[in-house]
């Protein structure tokens, strides 16, 4: 009887285990249907551009739905058709394997919900893509400050500029408010009411389940937005490199710090709908210790390259592991109009050496200041943070201000390699 009971329990729990559903990202082969972006009709008005291409988008959507019906699939969580053709759905591993065997399917990849807190960066298993995390570290110097309060010298604040001392070290601030190009912030959201930011509320969007607004509950997205594009807004301000530039938030991390690679893919697909030439796409996020990093997520890599080929600039952080940036996804992805940025220490008036946690290596395109950067924080407050997230944001401001014509203020030598220090 005891053996029989054990067998029954195994069958019950074994069935539940092997029949468990997970979210998978399914990408179709180019021969199945071309993505909308490949043949996209451009227009200087973003919303009109989206509308002009809607008929083509509907054709792609129809092809996807036809394929899903032929497979008897109904539990679809989302579709993408502008940067690539594919969909998200909840299925079992057996069902995923059957899809992989379909001649129209390019890839079927499991997408786990992950936590962005840097508790586990995937080092224990170098064969996984790891967890996408925010690549900026809060510097604990008390609570965020309001405009009515006083600043100490520890904040590295330039009172003439009304912003971080890092800004003059990369060529200073210029007026970005009149430029038609925008900076897309793929992150935790952005505080849309912050007086120091020019936020496009109409196009801002969230790809976080049950959080339809792009409000920033964690602060990371608001902080990097201010570094790139903050404006002079009062007695204390965080004037950015391209001051007043329009920022478009795309929220991919929820209020608890959970996100996924699928949400990042949907964000890139959204940009393919509304993006314009010379727009800047900022991804201050990543996962370290990824084996064969550049080839580890072909769908993500393909999406990034597709946007870059349409003359949009993709800026990514190198990661904060004091290791090889070539193992940090997505910063390991390389190509024209694609930049991976490392972080340097600095003091007011002087750039120092490598920020102690910054990754480095041949895959890093430029280094800029990234430690103790003063910038915007939710609820009209200001805070300092350190990390390659902050460095990438500084570089994104440079790219926006110069339309991608990057200068260099000299070189910095790190572990036997020489890197350019970016400037306007």
Protein backbone atom coordinates (compact mmCIF):
# COMPACT_ATOMS: atom_id res chain seq x y z
CA UNK A 1 0.00 0.00 0.00
CA UNK A 2 2.83 2.39 0.89
CA UNK A 3 4.53 1.87 -2.48
CA UNK A 4 1.22 2.35 -4.26
CA UNK A 5 0.65 5.65 -2.42
CA UNK A 6 4.13 6.89 -3.35
CA UNK A 7 3.46 6.01 -7.00
CA UNK A 8 0.15 7.87 -6.97
CA UNK A 9 1.75 10.95 -5.40
CA UNK A 10 4.55 10.89 -7.98
CA UNK A 11 2.07 10.67 -10.83
CA UNK A 12 -0.02 13.54 -9.46
CA UNK A 13 2.85 15.89 -8.71
CA UNK A 14 4.88 14.75 -11.70
CA UNK A 15 2.00 15.55 -14.02
CA UNK A 16 1.68 19.01 -12.47
CA UNK A 17 5.41 19.58 -12.79
CA UNK A 18 5.82 18.53 -16.41
CA UNK A 19 2.51 20.06 -17.44
CA UNK A 20 3.33 23.43 -15.92
CA UNK A 21 2.93 26.41 -18.22
CA UNK A 22 5.42 29.25 -18.57
CA UNK A 23 5.62 32.33 -20.73
CA UNK A 24 7.55 31.78 -23.96
CA UNK A 25 8.66 34.26 -26.61
CA UNK A 26 8.11 32.90 -30.12
CA UNK A 27 9.86 34.52 -33.08
CA UNK A 28 8.94 33.72 -36.68
CA UNK A 29 11.45 33.31 -39.50
CA UNK A 30 11.91 36.23 -41.93
CA UNK A 31 10.42 34.09 -44.70
CA UNK A 32 7.16 33.85 -42.78
CA UNK A 33 6.59 37.61 -42.90
CA UNK A 34 8.77 40.74 -42.94
CA UNK A 35 8.62 43.01 -39.92
CA UNK A 36 6.87 46.36 -40.42
CA UNK A 37 10.08 48.27 -39.70
CA UNK A 38 11.78 46.76 -42.75
CA UNK A 39 9.38 48.57 -45.12
CA UNK A 40 8.19 51.33 -42.80
CA UNK A 41 7.00 54.58 -44.35
CA UNK A 42 8.60 57.47 -42.46
CA UNK A 43 6.86 60.64 -41.37
CA UNK A 44 8.14 63.55 -39.28
CA UNK A 45 5.05 63.28 -37.08
CA UNK A 46 5.36 60.22 -34.85
CA UNK A 47 1.65 59.48 -34.50
CA UNK A 48 1.02 60.01 -38.20
CA UNK A 49 3.89 57.64 -38.95
CA UNK A 50 2.23 54.98 -36.79
CA UNK A 51 -1.09 55.54 -38.56
CA UNK A 52 0.39 55.42 -42.07
CA UNK A 53 1.86 51.99 -41.38
CA UNK A 54 -1.19 50.56 -39.61
CA UNK A 55 -2.53 48.75 -42.68
CA UNK A 56 0.77 46.92 -43.09
CA UNK A 57 0.74 46.19 -39.38
CA UNK A 58 -2.74 44.70 -39.64
CA UNK A 59 -1.58 42.40 -42.44
CA UNK A 60 1.22 41.09 -40.22
CA UNK A 61 -1.19 40.73 -37.32
CA UNK A 62 -3.53 38.74 -39.55
CA UNK A 63 -0.72 36.37 -40.54
CA UNK A 64 0.17 35.81 -36.90
CA UNK A 65 -3.46 35.15 -35.97
CA UNK A 66 -3.84 32.75 -38.89
CA UNK A 67 -0.81 30.80 -37.69
CA UNK A 68 -2.12 30.73 -34.12
CA UNK A 69 -5.50 29.42 -35.26
CA UNK A 70 -3.82 26.68 -37.28
CA UNK A 71 -2.07 25.55 -34.10
CA UNK A 72 -5.15 25.86 -31.91
CA UNK A 73 -3.41 28.47 -29.76
CA UNK A 74 -5.58 30.99 -27.93
CA UNK A 75 -3.71 31.94 -24.75
CA UNK A 76 -1.58 34.69 -26.34
CA UNK A 77 -0.25 37.38 -23.99
CA UNK A 78 1.10 39.75 -26.62
CA UNK A 79 2.26 40.16 -30.20
CA UNK A 80 5.12 42.05 -31.83
CA UNK A 81 5.37 42.79 -35.53
CA UNK A 82 7.28 46.04 -36.05
CA UNK A 83 10.84 45.18 -35.07
CA UNK A 84 10.36 41.40 -35.47
CA UNK A 85 7.39 39.07 -36.07
CA UNK A 86 6.29 36.97 -33.12
CA UNK A 87 4.21 36.61 -29.99
CA UNK A 88 4.21 35.75 -26.27
CA UNK A 89 2.13 32.95 -24.84
CA UNK A 90 1.76 30.64 -21.85
CA UNK A 91 2.43 27.01 -22.81
CA UNK A 92 4.08 23.87 -21.47
CA UNK A 93 7.60 22.82 -22.45
CA UNK A 94 6.14 20.02 -24.59
CA UNK A 95 4.03 22.55 -26.49
CA UNK A 96 7.07 24.81 -26.85
CA UNK A 97 9.05 21.94 -28.34
CA UNK A 98 6.32 21.29 -30.91
CA UNK A 99 6.47 24.95 -31.94
CA UNK A 100 10.26 24.76 -32.28
CA UNK A 101 9.79 22.00 -34.82
CA UNK A 102 7.53 24.15 -37.01
CA UNK A 103 9.36 25.27 -40.20
CA UNK A 104 8.00 28.83 -39.83
CA UNK A 105 9.36 29.30 -36.30
CA UNK A 106 12.79 30.82 -35.75
CA UNK A 107 13.03 30.47 -31.96
CA UNK A 108 10.98 29.64 -28.85
CA UNK A 109 12.58 31.00 -25.67
CA UNK A 110 11.32 30.69 -22.11
CA UNK A 111 10.90 34.06 -20.43
CA UNK A 112 11.00 34.03 -16.64
CA UNK A 113 9.81 36.97 -14.59
CA UNK A 114 12.88 38.28 -12.80
CA UNK A 115 13.79 40.67 -10.02
CA UNK A 116 15.97 43.67 -10.82
CA UNK A 117 17.53 43.91 -7.37
CA UNK A 118 21.23 42.98 -7.78
CA UNK A 119 20.98 40.02 -5.40
CA UNK A 120 21.75 37.32 -7.95
CA UNK A 121 23.43 38.39 -11.17
CA UNK A 122 23.52 34.89 -12.65
CA UNK A 123 27.17 34.14 -11.79
CA UNK A 124 26.23 30.76 -10.34
CA UNK A 125 25.13 29.56 -13.78
CA UNK A 126 27.12 31.05 -16.66
CA UNK A 127 24.99 29.22 -19.23
CA UNK A 128 21.88 31.28 -18.47
CA UNK A 129 21.09 34.80 -19.61
CA UNK A 130 20.70 35.81 -15.98
CA UNK A 131 18.48 38.51 -14.63
CA UNK A 132 18.17 41.94 -16.24
CA UNK A 133 18.96 44.41 -13.48
CA UNK A 134 19.22 48.17 -13.23
CA UNK A 135 22.89 49.09 -13.46
CA UNK A 136 23.03 52.02 -11.07
CA UNK A 137 23.76 51.94 -7.36
CA UNK A 138 22.19 54.38 -4.86
CA UNK A 139 24.76 56.27 -2.82
CA UNK A 140 23.49 56.48 0.72
CA UNK A 141 23.93 60.10 1.75
CA UNK A 142 20.61 60.48 3.48
CA UNK A 143 17.22 61.01 1.99
CA UNK A 144 16.62 62.70 -1.39
CA UNK A 145 16.50 66.48 -1.11
CA UNK A 146 13.91 69.06 -2.09
CA UNK A 147 14.63 72.33 -3.89
CA UNK A 148 14.36 74.32 -0.67
CA UNK A 149 17.21 72.45 1.03
CA UNK A 150 20.96 72.97 1.06
CA UNK A 151 23.58 70.85 -0.70
CA UNK A 152 26.87 69.69 0.75
CA UNK A 153 30.09 69.34 -1.24
CA UNK A 154 29.58 65.56 -1.25
CA UNK A 155 26.85 65.98 -3.85
CA UNK A 156 29.40 67.18 -6.49
CA UNK A 157 26.99 69.92 -7.54
CA UNK A 158 27.86 72.81 -9.86
CA UNK A 159 25.85 75.78 -8.60
CA UNK A 160 26.55 77.84 -11.74
CA UNK A 161 25.27 75.10 -14.04
CA UNK A 162 22.64 73.95 -11.53
CA UNK A 163 23.52 70.36 -12.14
CA UNK A 164 26.11 67.65 -11.64
CA UNK A 165 29.79 68.56 -11.87
CA UNK A 166 30.03 65.72 -14.39
CA UNK A 167 28.21 67.75 -17.06
CA UNK A 168 31.01 70.32 -17.71
CA UNK A 169 33.52 67.45 -17.92
CA UNK A 170 31.83 66.14 -21.09
CA UNK A 171 31.47 69.48 -22.85
CA UNK A 172 28.73 71.13 -20.82
CA UNK A 173 25.00 71.43 -21.27
CA UNK A 174 23.17 72.60 -24.38
CA UNK A 175 19.52 73.31 -25.11
CA UNK A 176 17.85 70.12 -26.30
CA UNK A 177 14.27 71.31 -25.98
CA UNK A 178 13.96 72.43 -29.60
CA UNK A 179 15.37 69.29 -31.17
CA UNK A 180 12.76 67.02 -32.79
CA UNK A 181 14.58 63.88 -31.66
CA UNK A 182 13.64 62.21 -28.38
CA UNK A 183 15.38 60.07 -25.78
CA UNK A 184 13.58 56.79 -25.07
CA UNK A 185 14.05 55.59 -21.49
CA UNK A 186 13.56 51.81 -21.18
CA UNK A 187 13.57 51.45 -17.43
CA UNK A 188 11.47 51.72 -14.25
CA UNK A 189 9.31 54.51 -15.65
CA UNK A 190 9.78 58.26 -15.22
CA UNK A 191 8.12 60.74 -12.87
CA UNK A 192 5.94 62.51 -15.43
CA UNK A 193 5.22 65.45 -13.09
CA UNK A 194 8.82 66.29 -12.17
CA UNK A 195 9.41 69.97 -12.88
CA UNK A 196 12.91 69.19 -14.12
CA UNK A 197 11.87 66.86 -16.95
CA UNK A 198 10.20 67.28 -20.35
CA UNK A 199 8.17 64.05 -20.48
CA UNK A 200 6.08 62.99 -23.47
CA UNK A 201 3.06 61.77 -21.53
CA UNK A 202 1.11 60.81 -24.63
CA UNK A 203 3.63 58.28 -25.95
CA UNK A 204 4.93 57.13 -22.57
CA UNK A 205 3.85 53.53 -21.97
CA UNK A 206 4.14 50.63 -19.55
CA UNK A 207 4.68 46.99 -20.48
CA UNK A 208 4.28 45.92 -16.87
CA UNK A 209 1.28 43.74 -16.12
CA UNK A 210 -1.22 45.45 -13.77
CA UNK A 211 0.74 48.73 -13.90
CA UNK A 212 -0.64 50.55 -16.92
CA UNK A 213 0.86 53.92 -15.98
CA UNK A 214 4.56 54.58 -16.48
CA UNK A 215 5.00 56.11 -13.01
CA UNK A 216 8.41 55.47 -11.45
CA UNK A 217 8.20 53.86 -8.01
CA UNK A 218 11.90 53.00 -7.78
CA UNK A 219 13.62 56.19 -8.97
CA UNK A 220 16.16 54.68 -11.36
CA UNK A 221 14.41 55.75 -14.59
CA UNK A 222 13.74 59.27 -13.31
CA UNK A 223 17.39 59.62 -12.30
CA UNK A 224 18.87 58.63 -15.66
CA UNK A 225 16.32 60.80 -17.51
CA UNK A 226 17.57 63.85 -15.63
CA UNK A 227 21.23 63.13 -16.37
CA UNK A 228 20.55 63.01 -20.10
CA UNK A 229 17.86 65.68 -20.39
CA UNK A 230 17.09 67.46 -17.11
CA UNK A 231 16.32 71.18 -17.30
CA UNK A 232 16.99 74.19 -15.09
CA UNK A 233 13.81 74.37 -13.05
CA UNK A 234 14.47 76.30 -9.86
CA UNK A 235 16.93 77.18 -7.12
CA UNK A 236 18.24 73.62 -7.19
CA UNK A 237 18.02 71.71 -10.46
CA UNK A 238 19.58 68.82 -12.35
CA UNK A 239 20.47 70.36 -15.70
CA UNK A 240 21.29 67.55 -18.12
CA UNK A 241 23.66 67.28 -21.07
CA UNK A 242 20.87 67.94 -23.60
CA UNK A 243 18.78 70.10 -21.32
CA UNK A 244 15.03 69.92 -21.80
CA UNK A 245 15.17 67.21 -24.45
CA UNK A 246 11.95 65.25 -24.73
CA UNK A 247 12.08 61.93 -22.89
CA UNK A 248 9.67 59.10 -23.66
CA UNK A 249 9.39 56.58 -20.82
CA UNK A 250 8.86 52.88 -21.49
CA UNK A 251 8.33 51.06 -18.22
CA UNK A 252 9.61 47.48 -18.11
CA UNK A 253 10.21 47.04 -14.34
CA UNK A 254 7.35 47.06 -11.83
CA UNK A 255 7.17 48.68 -8.41
CA UNK A 256 8.76 45.59 -6.84
CA UNK A 257 11.64 45.54 -9.30
CA UNK A 258 10.33 42.67 -11.41
CA UNK A 259 10.81 42.63 -15.17
CA UNK A 260 11.63 40.34 -18.06
CA UNK A 261 13.46 40.19 -21.35
CA UNK A 262 10.08 39.91 -23.08
CA UNK A 263 9.01 43.31 -21.76
CA UNK A 264 12.26 44.79 -23.08
CA UNK A 265 11.55 43.25 -26.48
CA UNK A 266 8.04 44.73 -26.47
CA UNK A 267 9.58 48.10 -25.61
CA UNK A 268 11.88 47.91 -28.64
CA UNK A 269 8.95 46.90 -30.82
CA UNK A 270 7.03 49.95 -29.58
CA UNK A 271 9.94 52.22 -30.49
CA UNK A 272 9.90 50.71 -33.99
CA UNK A 273 6.38 52.11 -34.38
CA UNK A 274 7.05 55.69 -33.27
CA UNK A 275 10.83 56.10 -33.47
CA UNK A 276 12.54 58.67 -35.68
CA UNK A 277 16.02 58.98 -37.14
CA UNK A 278 18.57 60.25 -34.58
CA UNK A 279 16.36 59.29 -31.64
CA UNK A 280 18.34 57.90 -28.71
CA UNK A 281 17.33 54.64 -27.02
CA UNK A 282 18.73 54.33 -23.49
CA UNK A 283 18.93 50.92 -21.80
CA UNK A 284 20.68 51.27 -18.45
CA UNK A 285 20.07 47.64 -17.56
CA UNK A 286 21.60 44.25 -18.08
CA UNK A 287 22.63 40.83 -16.86
CA UNK A 288 26.22 39.74 -16.26
CA UNK A 289 28.17 36.53 -16.90
CA UNK A 290 26.23 35.43 -19.96
CA UNK A 291 27.97 32.74 -22.02
CA UNK A 292 28.43 33.54 -25.73
CA UNK A 293 26.76 36.79 -24.79
CA UNK A 294 26.30 38.46 -28.17
CA UNK A 295 24.65 35.33 -29.57
CA UNK A 296 22.78 34.33 -26.42
CA UNK A 297 19.56 36.17 -27.26
CA UNK A 298 19.29 36.40 -31.07
CA UNK A 299 15.84 37.96 -30.90
CA UNK A 300 16.97 40.81 -28.64
CA UNK A 301 20.12 41.31 -30.71
CA UNK A 302 18.13 41.35 -33.95
CA UNK A 303 15.72 43.96 -32.56
CA UNK A 304 18.54 46.25 -31.43
CA UNK A 305 20.32 45.97 -34.79
CA UNK A 306 17.08 46.64 -36.69
CA UNK A 307 16.53 49.94 -34.86
CA UNK A 308 20.18 50.95 -35.27
CA UNK A 309 19.96 50.26 -39.00
CA UNK A 310 17.14 52.82 -39.15
CA UNK A 311 19.61 55.42 -37.81
CA UNK A 312 18.45 55.37 -34.21
CA UNK A 313 21.18 55.35 -31.57
CA UNK A 314 21.14 52.57 -28.97
CA UNK A 315 23.04 53.36 -25.75
CA UNK A 316 23.61 50.62 -23.16
CA UNK A 317 25.43 50.33 -19.84
CA UNK A 318 28.54 48.17 -19.56
CA UNK A 319 27.52 46.74 -16.17
CA UNK A 320 28.80 47.04 -12.60
CA UNK A 321 30.69 43.81 -11.96
CA UNK A 322 34.31 44.97 -12.38
CA UNK A 323 34.56 42.34 -15.09
CA UNK A 324 34.38 41.73 -18.81
CA UNK A 325 31.67 43.87 -20.43
CA UNK A 326 31.57 41.31 -23.23
CA UNK A 327 29.60 39.06 -20.87
CA UNK A 328 26.97 41.69 -20.02
CA UNK A 329 23.68 41.43 -21.92
CA UNK A 330 22.60 43.54 -23.81
CA UNK A 331 25.75 45.68 -23.59
CA UNK A 332 27.74 42.90 -25.30
CA UNK A 333 25.82 43.57 -28.53
CA UNK A 334 27.91 45.56 -31.02
CA UNK A 335 27.38 47.35 -34.31
CA UNK A 336 27.02 50.74 -36.00
CA UNK A 337 24.95 53.22 -33.94
CA UNK A 338 25.18 50.86 -30.94
CA UNK A 339 27.20 52.03 -27.93
CA UNK A 340 28.25 50.39 -24.66
CA UNK A 341 29.42 52.79 -21.96
CA UNK A 342 31.69 52.36 -18.94
CA UNK A 343 31.90 54.60 -15.87
CA UNK A 344 34.69 56.78 -14.48
CA UNK A 345 35.18 58.44 -11.10
CA UNK A 346 35.34 62.23 -11.00
CA UNK A 347 35.55 65.29 -8.82
CA UNK A 348 34.35 68.76 -9.71
CA UNK A 349 36.76 69.89 -12.43
CA UNK A 350 38.59 66.60 -12.91
CA UNK A 351 37.92 63.14 -14.37
CA UNK A 352 39.54 60.25 -12.52
CA UNK A 353 40.08 56.58 -13.27
CA UNK A 354 37.66 53.70 -13.66
CA UNK A 355 34.71 53.60 -11.28
CA UNK A 356 35.55 50.59 -9.11
CA UNK A 357 32.54 48.49 -10.16
CA UNK A 358 32.45 49.38 -13.86
CA UNK A 359 32.92 46.60 -16.36
CA UNK A 360 35.56 47.06 -19.04
CA UNK A 361 37.04 45.27 -22.03
CA UNK A 362 37.12 45.55 -25.83
CA UNK A 363 33.32 45.78 -26.07
CA UNK A 364 33.18 49.14 -24.27
CA UNK A 365 32.97 51.99 -26.77
CA UNK A 366 33.49 54.98 -24.46
CA UNK A 367 33.99 55.87 -20.82
CA UNK A 368 32.41 58.91 -19.13
CA UNK A 369 31.86 59.95 -15.50
CA UNK A 370 29.40 57.69 -13.71
CA UNK A 371 30.03 57.85 -9.97
CA UNK A 372 28.07 60.10 -7.61
CA UNK A 373 25.94 61.74 -10.29
CA UNK A 374 23.40 64.29 -9.06
CA UNK A 375 20.04 64.08 -10.84
CA UNK A 376 16.27 64.07 -10.64
CA UNK A 377 14.31 61.79 -8.29
CA UNK A 378 10.55 61.12 -8.02
CA UNK A 379 8.28 63.68 -6.34
CA UNK A 380 10.30 66.75 -7.39
CA UNK A 381 13.33 65.59 -5.44
CA UNK A 382 17.01 65.03 -6.27
CA UNK A 383 19.48 62.28 -5.43
CA UNK A 384 22.92 60.98 -6.38
CA UNK A 385 23.60 57.51 -7.77
CA UNK A 386 26.62 55.70 -9.17
CA UNK A 387 27.06 53.12 -11.88
CA UNK A 388 27.29 52.49 -15.59
CA UNK A 389 23.56 53.33 -15.75
CA UNK A 390 24.50 56.91 -14.95
CA UNK A 391 27.42 56.88 -17.39
CA UNK A 392 25.17 55.56 -20.17
CA UNK A 393 22.65 58.31 -19.44
CA UNK A 394 25.38 60.96 -19.63
CA UNK A 395 26.49 59.54 -22.97
CA UNK A 396 22.88 59.43 -24.23
CA UNK A 397 22.71 63.17 -23.59
CA UNK A 398 25.91 63.68 -25.59
CA UNK A 399 24.52 61.65 -28.50
CA UNK A 400 21.26 63.59 -28.48
CA UNK A 401 23.01 66.95 -28.32
CA UNK A 402 25.43 66.13 -31.16
CA UNK A 403 23.24 63.91 -33.38
CA UNK A 404 25.73 61.15 -32.78
CA UNK A 405 28.90 63.06 -33.69
CA UNK A 406 30.95 62.11 -30.64
CA UNK A 407 34.19 63.86 -29.70
CA UNK A 408 36.88 62.69 -27.30
CA UNK A 409 38.53 64.60 -24.47
CA UNK A 410 41.40 62.12 -24.27
CA UNK A 411 42.04 58.52 -23.32
CA UNK A 412 41.93 56.50 -20.14
CA UNK A 413 44.02 53.34 -19.66
CA UNK A 414 42.33 50.41 -17.90
CA UNK A 415 43.86 46.95 -17.46
CA UNK A 416 46.21 47.37 -20.42
CA UNK A 417 43.64 48.81 -22.84
CA UNK A 418 43.11 52.43 -23.86
CA UNK A 419 39.58 53.84 -24.10
CA UNK A 420 38.24 57.14 -25.36
CA UNK A 421 36.61 59.55 -22.94
CA UNK A 422 33.49 60.83 -24.71
CA UNK A 423 32.69 64.51 -25.02
CA UNK A 424 30.53 66.89 -27.04
